[in-house]
Amino acid sequence: MNRRILAVIGVVLIAAGILVSSSTFIVDQTEQALVLQLGEVRAVRDKPGLWFKRPFVENVIYYDNRVLDFEPPHEEVIVSDQKRLVTDTYTRYRITNPLLFYQTVGSEAGVRARLSALVTGSLRRVLGSVTLNDILSEKRAAIMRQIRDDVAIQAKPFGIDVVDVRLRRADLPEENSQAIYARMQSEREQQARQYRGEGAEAAQTVRANAERERTVILAEAQRDAQRVRGDGDARAVKIYADSFGQDKEFFAFYRSLQAYREALTGRDTAFVLSPEGNFFRFFNSSQGAGSATASGSAPGGTPAAQSAPRRPRARVVRRERWCAVNGHRRFCLMRDLWTALALVLVIEGVLYALFPDGMKRIAARAMAVPPQALRAAGLLAACFGVMLVWLLRR
């Protein structure tokens, strides 16, 4: 008995639950609902809350009352300047009249198909009256507002409100883009070549002006330098003339020394000249007497007779000049030493040939002399020989 009562109670509760669930429905804040009875709209519930309906007879259709997005496929449009554009748009709308929406399109899939046709038609109509430059300029916002207003007016009978229509992208087709990019590149390269040419021309002009100014400055500087140098040379000549004009003999002697310094600069310089010429006149005396005697005849004798006694002196002078000027001092010194040694050997040989007994006795006495005495005598004889050679060279 108890089991039957429990079973009956359970069945009643289940039936009541099914009855309650089929007779009530909840409308969310983001939704709006239509109550239908056998396909006929019986009520519109656009406020959130718990609502009742007839069970098993009436059903409920829910619609979203938020802003919905719709992205139609890409469209290829021709603008007024006959350029083809690939456009990408998106549309935002809200269902404002669910009853009219249900009666006209029925569902969101139906309204998407209608909106795609509306947006495409309005896009072609509006963009066909503008140019590509207008789309890429600040007029783009006005163009999108015009498209939105046009679509909103046409979508009003569907129970929806078009909030916004945006032109996301408007690009050229791929084949046209490559051609336009190539043309833009060629135009930029042409413009760059023009700028380079103008720059090269300006640079050449600057270089030419700078070179001309440089030439003028150098010419003026050289002119001024030549003028200053000429004034200096003139003053120097005047000073030399005033100075040397006071003593002509000193002037001749000074000029001869300058000639010697300029001519006898090399280590291997050699002159084949007559010693009686004017060039070597100051080698004989500081007054240039040799030149005067050699160039003119003196009273009471011929030129040959006056110049003959001076030839040995001229040869000595030439030898001394060769040893002093040409850098052969060491060679001349060694030659003099060998000459002195030869003279000693000659004298020793003559003494041994004429006085053999005497030289023998001298040698015997030298052998008996202590080494210190012989060393002192040798050093004394060497010093005497050096002094003698020096005196003879003087």
Protein backbone atom coordinates (compact mmCIF):
# COMPACT_ATOMS: atom_id res chain seq x y z
CA MET A 1 0.00 0.00 0.00
CA ASN A 2 2.72 2.37 0.90
CA ARG A 3 4.56 1.56 -2.30
CA ARG A 4 1.50 2.37 -4.38
CA ILE A 5 1.06 5.67 -2.59
CA LEU A 6 4.70 6.57 -3.15
CA ALA A 7 4.45 5.64 -6.82
CA VAL A 8 1.35 7.75 -7.27
CA ILE A 9 3.02 10.68 -5.53
CA GLY A 10 6.08 10.31 -7.71
CA VAL A 11 4.02 10.23 -10.88
CA VAL A 12 2.09 13.28 -9.74
CA LEU A 13 5.29 15.18 -9.01
CA ILE A 14 6.79 14.28 -12.37
CA ALA A 15 3.64 15.32 -14.16
CA ALA A 16 3.58 18.55 -12.18
CA GLY A 17 7.21 19.21 -13.05
CA ILE A 18 6.58 18.58 -16.71
CA LEU A 19 3.53 20.79 -16.57
CA VAL A 20 5.38 23.60 -14.84
CA SER A 21 8.37 23.44 -17.22
CA SER A 22 6.14 23.49 -20.26
CA SER A 23 4.04 26.34 -18.93
CA THR A 24 6.88 28.69 -17.86
CA PHE A 25 9.93 30.17 -19.58
CA ILE A 26 12.71 32.61 -18.60
CA VAL A 27 13.78 35.59 -20.67
CA ASP A 28 17.42 36.63 -20.09
CA GLN A 29 18.63 40.25 -20.07
CA THR A 30 20.37 39.75 -23.42
CA GLU A 31 17.34 38.14 -25.07
CA GLN A 32 13.83 38.81 -26.25
CA ALA A 33 11.21 36.18 -26.95
CA LEU A 34 8.13 35.48 -29.06
CA VAL A 35 5.36 33.21 -27.81
CA LEU A 36 3.85 31.20 -30.66
CA GLN A 37 0.76 29.07 -30.77
CA LEU A 38 0.71 26.74 -33.72
CA GLY A 39 2.96 29.14 -35.68
CA GLU A 40 0.96 32.24 -34.78
CA VAL A 41 2.51 34.90 -32.60
CA ARG A 42 0.59 35.22 -29.39
CA ALA A 43 2.85 37.53 -27.33
CA VAL A 44 6.15 39.43 -27.41
CA ARG A 45 8.31 39.28 -24.31
CA ASP A 46 11.14 41.84 -24.52
CA LYS A 47 11.75 42.24 -20.76
CA PRO A 48 13.74 39.82 -18.65
CA GLY A 49 11.98 37.66 -16.10
CA LEU A 50 9.84 34.55 -15.59
CA TRP A 51 6.85 34.25 -17.96
CA PHE A 52 4.00 31.76 -18.37
CA LYS A 53 2.55 30.14 -21.44
CA ARG A 54 0.10 27.47 -22.26
CA PRO A 55 1.74 24.11 -21.91
CA PHE A 56 2.06 21.85 -24.94
CA VAL A 57 0.29 24.41 -27.13
CA GLU A 58 2.53 27.41 -27.14
CA ASN A 59 6.32 27.48 -27.82
CA VAL A 60 8.93 30.23 -27.41
CA ILE A 61 11.51 31.63 -29.91
CA TYR A 62 14.40 33.61 -28.51
CA TYR A 63 16.28 36.46 -30.31
CA ASP A 64 19.41 38.30 -29.17
CA ASN A 65 18.80 41.96 -28.36
CA ARG A 66 22.56 42.86 -28.39
CA VAL A 67 24.47 44.40 -31.27
CA LEU A 68 25.31 41.67 -33.78
CA ASP A 69 28.14 41.57 -36.32
CA PHE A 70 27.97 40.53 -39.92
CA GLU A 71 30.92 40.31 -42.35
CA PRO A 72 29.92 39.87 -45.99
CA PRO A 73 32.40 38.32 -48.41
CA HIS A 74 34.86 40.47 -50.34
CA GLU A 75 33.43 42.43 -53.23
CA GLU A 76 35.12 43.78 -56.33
CA VAL A 77 33.84 47.26 -57.12
CA ILE A 78 34.57 49.71 -59.95
CA VAL A 79 34.87 53.32 -58.81
CA SER A 80 34.10 56.39 -60.90
CA ASP A 81 37.62 56.69 -62.30
CA GLN A 82 37.30 53.15 -63.70
CA LYS A 83 39.63 51.53 -61.20
CA ARG A 84 38.82 48.15 -59.76
CA LEU A 85 38.89 47.81 -55.97
CA VAL A 86 38.57 44.77 -53.70
CA THR A 87 36.49 45.94 -50.71
CA ASP A 88 36.09 44.31 -47.31
CA THR A 89 33.26 45.56 -45.09
CA TYR A 90 31.52 44.59 -41.86
CA THR A 91 28.04 45.53 -40.56
CA ARG A 92 26.66 45.89 -37.04
CA TYR A 93 22.90 45.68 -36.40
CA ARG A 94 20.35 45.14 -33.59
CA ILE A 95 16.95 43.43 -33.66
CA THR A 96 14.52 46.13 -32.55
CA ASN A 97 11.18 44.55 -33.58
CA PRO A 98 11.23 40.79 -33.03
CA LEU A 99 7.70 40.35 -34.36
CA LEU A 100 8.49 42.08 -37.66
CA PHE A 101 11.84 40.29 -37.76
CA TYR A 102 10.09 36.93 -37.39
CA GLN A 103 7.50 37.77 -40.00
CA THR A 104 10.00 39.02 -42.63
CA VAL A 105 13.23 37.03 -42.31
CA GLY A 106 12.46 34.51 -39.59
CA SER A 107 16.01 33.95 -38.32
CA GLU A 108 19.50 35.45 -38.17
CA ALA A 109 20.63 33.40 -41.16
CA GLY A 110 17.84 34.96 -43.22
CA VAL A 111 18.73 38.49 -42.18
CA ARG A 112 22.40 37.88 -42.99
CA ALA A 113 21.49 36.96 -46.56
CA ARG A 114 19.31 40.06 -46.90
CA LEU A 115 22.00 42.32 -45.38
CA SER A 116 24.66 40.94 -47.72
CA ALA A 117 22.57 41.92 -50.72
CA LEU A 118 21.77 45.34 -49.25
CA VAL A 119 25.38 46.14 -48.33
CA THR A 120 26.69 44.99 -51.71
CA GLY A 121 24.16 47.08 -53.61
CA SER A 122 24.71 50.19 -51.52
CA LEU A 123 28.50 49.73 -51.72
CA ARG A 124 28.47 49.54 -55.50
CA ARG A 125 26.09 52.49 -55.80
CA VAL A 126 28.05 54.81 -53.46
CA LEU A 127 31.57 53.85 -54.52
CA GLY A 128 30.60 54.09 -58.15
CA SER A 129 30.11 57.81 -57.72
CA VAL A 130 33.46 58.58 -56.03
CA THR A 131 37.09 58.23 -57.01
CA LEU A 132 39.93 56.27 -55.49
CA ASN A 133 41.48 59.46 -54.13
CA ASP A 134 38.22 60.23 -52.28
CA ILE A 135 38.29 56.79 -50.65
CA LEU A 136 41.88 57.26 -49.55
CA SER A 137 41.32 60.81 -48.27
CA GLU A 138 39.40 62.30 -45.36
CA LYS A 139 36.17 61.81 -47.37
CA ARG A 140 36.24 58.12 -46.42
CA ALA A 141 34.22 58.71 -43.21
CA ALA A 142 31.47 60.54 -45.11
CA ILE A 143 31.34 57.74 -47.68
CA MET A 144 30.90 55.11 -44.93
CA ARG A 145 28.13 57.18 -43.27
CA GLN A 146 26.33 57.39 -46.59
CA ILE A 147 26.53 53.63 -47.03
CA ARG A 148 25.29 53.06 -43.46
CA ASP A 149 22.30 55.37 -43.86
CA ASP A 150 21.37 53.75 -47.16
CA VAL A 151 21.54 50.22 -45.69
CA ALA A 152 19.69 51.29 -42.51
CA ILE A 153 16.77 52.68 -44.51
CA GLN A 154 16.50 49.52 -46.61
CA ALA A 155 16.83 47.21 -43.56
CA LYS A 156 14.13 49.00 -41.51
CA PRO A 157 11.28 46.77 -42.82
CA PHE A 158 13.13 43.70 -41.45
CA GLY A 159 12.75 44.87 -37.85
CA ILE A 160 16.42 45.60 -37.40
CA ASP A 161 18.41 48.78 -36.83
CA VAL A 162 21.76 49.03 -38.70
CA VAL A 163 24.17 50.60 -36.25
CA ASP A 164 27.27 50.87 -38.41
CA VAL A 165 28.75 49.87 -41.76
CA ARG A 166 32.54 50.08 -42.02
CA LEU A 167 34.80 49.89 -45.03
CA ARG A 168 37.66 47.89 -43.55
CA ARG A 169 39.85 47.60 -46.65
CA ALA A 170 39.80 48.95 -50.19
CA ASP A 171 42.75 47.62 -52.19
CA LEU A 172 43.54 47.15 -55.80
CA PRO A 173 43.48 43.64 -57.26
CA GLU A 174 46.75 41.76 -57.11
CA GLU A 175 47.51 42.10 -60.82
CA ASN A 176 46.72 45.81 -60.78
CA SER A 177 48.74 46.31 -57.59
CA GLN A 178 51.88 44.90 -59.17
CA ALA A 179 51.49 47.13 -62.23
CA ILE A 180 50.83 50.20 -60.11
CA TYR A 181 53.77 49.40 -57.83
CA ALA A 182 56.03 49.04 -60.86
CA ARG A 183 54.82 52.36 -62.26
CA MET A 184 55.27 54.08 -58.89
CA GLN A 185 58.77 52.64 -58.63
CA SER A 186 59.69 53.88 -62.10
CA GLU A 187 58.29 57.33 -61.29
CA ARG A 188 60.26 57.49 -58.04
CA GLU A 189 63.43 56.33 -59.81
CA GLN A 190 62.94 58.98 -62.49
CA GLN A 191 62.41 61.62 -59.82
CA ALA A 192 65.50 60.39 -57.96
CA ARG A 193 67.57 60.59 -61.15
CA GLN A 194 66.31 64.10 -61.68
CA TYR A 195 67.27 65.09 -58.14
CA ARG A 196 70.69 63.47 -58.55
CA GLY A 197 71.24 65.32 -61.81
CA GLU A 198 70.27 68.62 -60.25
CA GLY A 199 72.52 67.90 -57.29
CA ALA A 200 75.44 67.01 -59.56
CA GLU A 201 74.89 70.19 -61.55
CA ALA A 202 74.84 72.29 -58.38
CA ALA A 203 77.95 70.49 -57.09
CA GLN A 204 79.76 71.13 -60.38
CA THR A 205 78.81 74.79 -60.21
CA VAL A 206 80.09 75.05 -56.64
CA ARG A 207 83.34 73.29 -57.59
CA ALA A 208 83.82 75.54 -60.63
CA ASN A 209 83.27 78.68 -58.55
CA ALA A 210 85.60 77.41 -55.84
CA GLU A 211 88.29 76.52 -58.41
CA ARG A 212 87.95 79.92 -60.02
CA GLU A 213 88.22 81.68 -56.66
CA ARG A 214 91.20 79.47 -55.79
CA THR A 215 92.93 80.38 -59.06
CA VAL A 216 92.28 84.07 -58.53
CA ILE A 217 93.52 83.93 -54.93
CA LEU A 218 96.67 82.04 -55.92
CA ALA A 219 97.34 84.44 -58.80
CA GLU A 220 96.93 87.46 -56.56
CA ALA A 221 99.11 85.84 -53.88
CA GLN A 222 101.82 85.01 -56.42
CA ARG A 223 101.61 88.54 -57.78
CA ASP A 224 101.98 90.03 -54.33
CA ALA A 225 104.76 87.56 -53.50
CA GLN A 226 106.65 88.43 -56.68
CA ARG A 227 106.21 92.09 -55.95
CA VAL A 228 107.47 91.70 -52.38
CA ARG A 229 110.29 89.46 -53.55
CA GLY A 230 111.26 91.96 -56.22
CA ASP A 231 111.22 94.81 -53.71
CA GLY A 232 113.34 92.71 -51.36
CA ASP A 233 115.81 91.77 -54.09
CA ALA A 234 116.05 95.40 -55.14
CA ARG A 235 116.75 96.49 -51.57
CA ALA A 236 119.27 93.66 -51.16
CA VAL A 237 121.08 94.64 -54.36
CA LYS A 238 121.13 98.25 -53.25
CA ILE A 239 122.49 97.28 -49.83
CA TYR A 240 125.13 95.02 -51.43
CA ALA A 241 126.06 97.78 -53.87
CA ASP A 242 126.32 100.36 -51.12
CA SER A 243 128.31 97.98 -48.91
CA PHE A 244 130.71 96.56 -51.48
CA GLY A 245 131.10 99.88 -53.26
CA GLN A 246 133.11 101.10 -50.29
CA ASP A 247 135.84 98.41 -50.88
CA LYS A 248 135.98 96.94 -54.37
CA GLU A 249 138.84 94.57 -53.57
CA PHE A 250 136.90 93.04 -50.68
CA PHE A 251 133.88 92.71 -52.95
CA ALA A 252 135.95 90.80 -55.54
CA PHE A 253 137.40 88.59 -52.79
CA TYR A 254 133.91 87.89 -51.32
CA ARG A 255 132.43 87.04 -54.70
CA SER A 256 135.32 84.67 -55.42
CA LEU A 257 134.70 82.90 -52.09
CA GLN A 258 131.02 82.49 -53.02
CA ALA A 259 132.07 81.06 -56.39
CA TYR A 260 134.42 78.60 -54.64
CA ARG A 261 131.65 77.54 -52.23
CA GLU A 262 129.15 76.96 -55.02
CA ALA A 263 131.61 75.21 -57.39
CA LEU A 264 133.53 73.04 -54.91
CA THR A 265 130.61 71.38 -53.14
CA GLY A 266 130.90 67.79 -54.48
CA ARG A 267 133.26 65.15 -53.15
CA ASP A 268 134.34 64.15 -56.66
CA THR A 269 134.48 67.61 -58.24
CA ALA A 270 137.42 68.10 -60.60
CA PHE A 271 138.44 71.15 -62.66
CA VAL A 272 140.81 71.20 -65.60
CA LEU A 273 141.76 74.88 -65.66
CA SER A 274 144.88 76.93 -65.94
CA PRO A 275 146.16 78.04 -62.51
CA GLU A 276 146.87 81.49 -63.93
CA GLY A 277 143.13 82.07 -64.67
CA ASN A 278 140.90 84.48 -62.80
CA PHE A 279 139.11 81.62 -60.97
CA PHE A 280 142.23 80.66 -58.93
CA ARG A 281 143.68 84.10 -58.49
CA PHE A 282 142.97 84.19 -54.73
CA PHE A 283 144.69 80.81 -54.20
CA ASN A 284 148.07 82.54 -54.66
CA SER A 285 147.38 85.54 -52.45
CA SER A 286 144.46 87.26 -50.78
CA GLN A 287 144.97 90.27 -53.05
CA GLY A 288 144.63 88.30 -56.31
CA ALA A 289 148.15 89.19 -57.47
CA GLY A 290 148.57 86.01 -59.46
CA SER A 291 145.64 86.86 -61.65
CA ALA A 292 146.89 90.37 -62.28
CA THR A 293 150.34 89.11 -63.23
CA ALA A 294 148.98 86.35 -65.42
CA SER A 295 146.38 88.44 -67.23
CA GLY A 296 148.52 91.54 -68.00
CA SER A 297 152.24 92.30 -68.51
CA ALA A 298 154.04 94.18 -65.77
CA PRO A 299 156.57 96.93 -66.49
CA GLY A 300 160.04 95.73 -67.38
CA GLY A 301 159.19 92.16 -68.39
CA THR A 302 156.99 89.86 -70.47
CA PRO A 303 154.02 87.95 -69.13
CA ALA A 304 155.76 84.60 -69.49
CA ALA A 305 158.76 85.79 -67.55
CA GLN A 306 156.59 87.17 -64.73
CA SER A 307 154.35 84.07 -64.39
CA ALA A 308 157.00 81.33 -64.76
CA PRO A 309 158.32 81.42 -61.15
CA ARG A 310 154.76 81.02 -59.76
CA ARG A 311 153.94 77.66 -61.39
CA PRO A 312 155.38 75.44 -58.62
CA ARG A 313 153.42 77.45 -56.09
CA ALA A 314 150.30 76.91 -58.15
CA ARG A 315 150.89 73.14 -58.24
CA VAL A 316 151.38 73.10 -54.46
CA VAL A 317 148.17 75.05 -54.07
CA ARG A 318 146.33 72.62 -56.33
CA ARG A 319 147.65 69.65 -54.34
CA GLU A 320 146.68 71.23 -51.05
CA ARG A 321 143.27 72.10 -52.45
CA TRP A 322 142.82 68.50 -53.64
CA CYS A 323 143.72 67.14 -50.22
CA ALA A 324 141.52 69.66 -48.37
CA VAL A 325 138.46 69.98 -50.60
CA ASN A 326 137.97 66.52 -52.07
CA GLY A 327 138.04 64.68 -48.74
CA HIS A 328 141.45 62.97 -49.18
CA ARG A 329 143.07 64.22 -45.97
CA ARG A 330 143.72 60.70 -44.63
CA PHE A 331 145.22 59.61 -47.93
CA CYS A 332 147.54 62.66 -48.03
CA LEU A 333 148.63 62.07 -44.41
CA MET A 334 149.48 58.42 -45.09
CA ARG A 335 151.34 59.46 -48.21
CA ASP A 336 153.43 61.91 -46.19
CA LEU A 337 154.21 59.25 -43.57
CA TRP A 338 155.31 56.76 -46.20
CA THR A 339 157.43 59.46 -47.78
CA ALA A 340 159.12 60.20 -44.45
CA LEU A 341 159.72 56.46 -43.86
CA ALA A 342 161.25 56.12 -47.32
CA LEU A 343 163.55 59.05 -46.59
CA VAL A 344 164.67 57.40 -43.34
CA LEU A 345 165.43 54.14 -45.17
CA VAL A 346 167.33 56.02 -47.85
CA ILE A 347 169.39 57.86 -45.24
CA GLU A 348 170.03 54.64 -43.31
CA GLY A 349 171.08 52.82 -46.47
CA VAL A 350 173.46 55.62 -47.46
CA LEU A 351 175.03 55.61 -43.99
CA TYR A 352 175.54 51.83 -44.00
CA ALA A 353 177.03 52.05 -47.51
CA LEU A 354 179.46 54.88 -46.70
CA PHE A 355 180.30 54.11 -43.06
CA PRO A 356 179.90 50.40 -42.43
CA ASP A 357 182.32 50.26 -39.52
CA GLY A 358 180.83 53.26 -37.81
CA MET A 359 177.27 51.97 -38.19
CA LYS A 360 178.38 48.61 -36.82
CA ARG A 361 179.84 50.23 -33.74
CA ILE A 362 176.68 52.29 -33.32
CA ALA A 363 174.57 49.11 -33.51
CA ALA A 364 176.79 47.40 -30.92
CA ARG A 365 176.46 50.34 -28.57
CA ALA A 366 172.65 50.32 -29.09
CA MET A 367 172.55 46.65 -28.08
CA ALA A 368 174.27 47.55 -24.82
CA VAL A 369 171.87 50.41 -24.01
CA PRO A 370 169.02 49.54 -21.58
CA PRO A 371 165.50 49.07 -23.06
CA GLN A 372 164.08 52.10 -21.25
CA ALA A 373 166.70 54.36 -22.80
CA LEU A 374 166.08 52.90 -26.27
CA ARG A 375 162.30 53.39 -25.85
CA ALA A 376 162.78 57.02 -24.81
CA ALA A 377 165.14 57.65 -27.71
CA GLY A 378 162.65 56.06 -30.12
CA LEU A 379 159.76 58.19 -28.87
CA LEU A 380 161.90 61.31 -29.09
CA ALA A 381 162.93 60.49 -32.65
CA ALA A 382 159.28 59.80 -33.63
CA CYS A 383 158.13 63.12 -32.18
CA PHE A 384 160.91 64.92 -33.95
CA GLY A 385 159.96 63.25 -37.23
CA VAL A 386 156.29 64.20 -36.84
CA MET A 387 157.18 67.81 -36.11
CA LEU A 388 159.48 67.85 -39.10
CA VAL A 389 156.79 66.51 -41.40
CA TRP A 390 154.31 69.06 -40.03
CA LEU A 391 156.73 71.89 -40.59
CA LEU A 392 157.42 70.71 -44.12
CA ARG A 393 153.65 70.51 -44.82
CA ARG A 394 153.23 74.07 -43.55
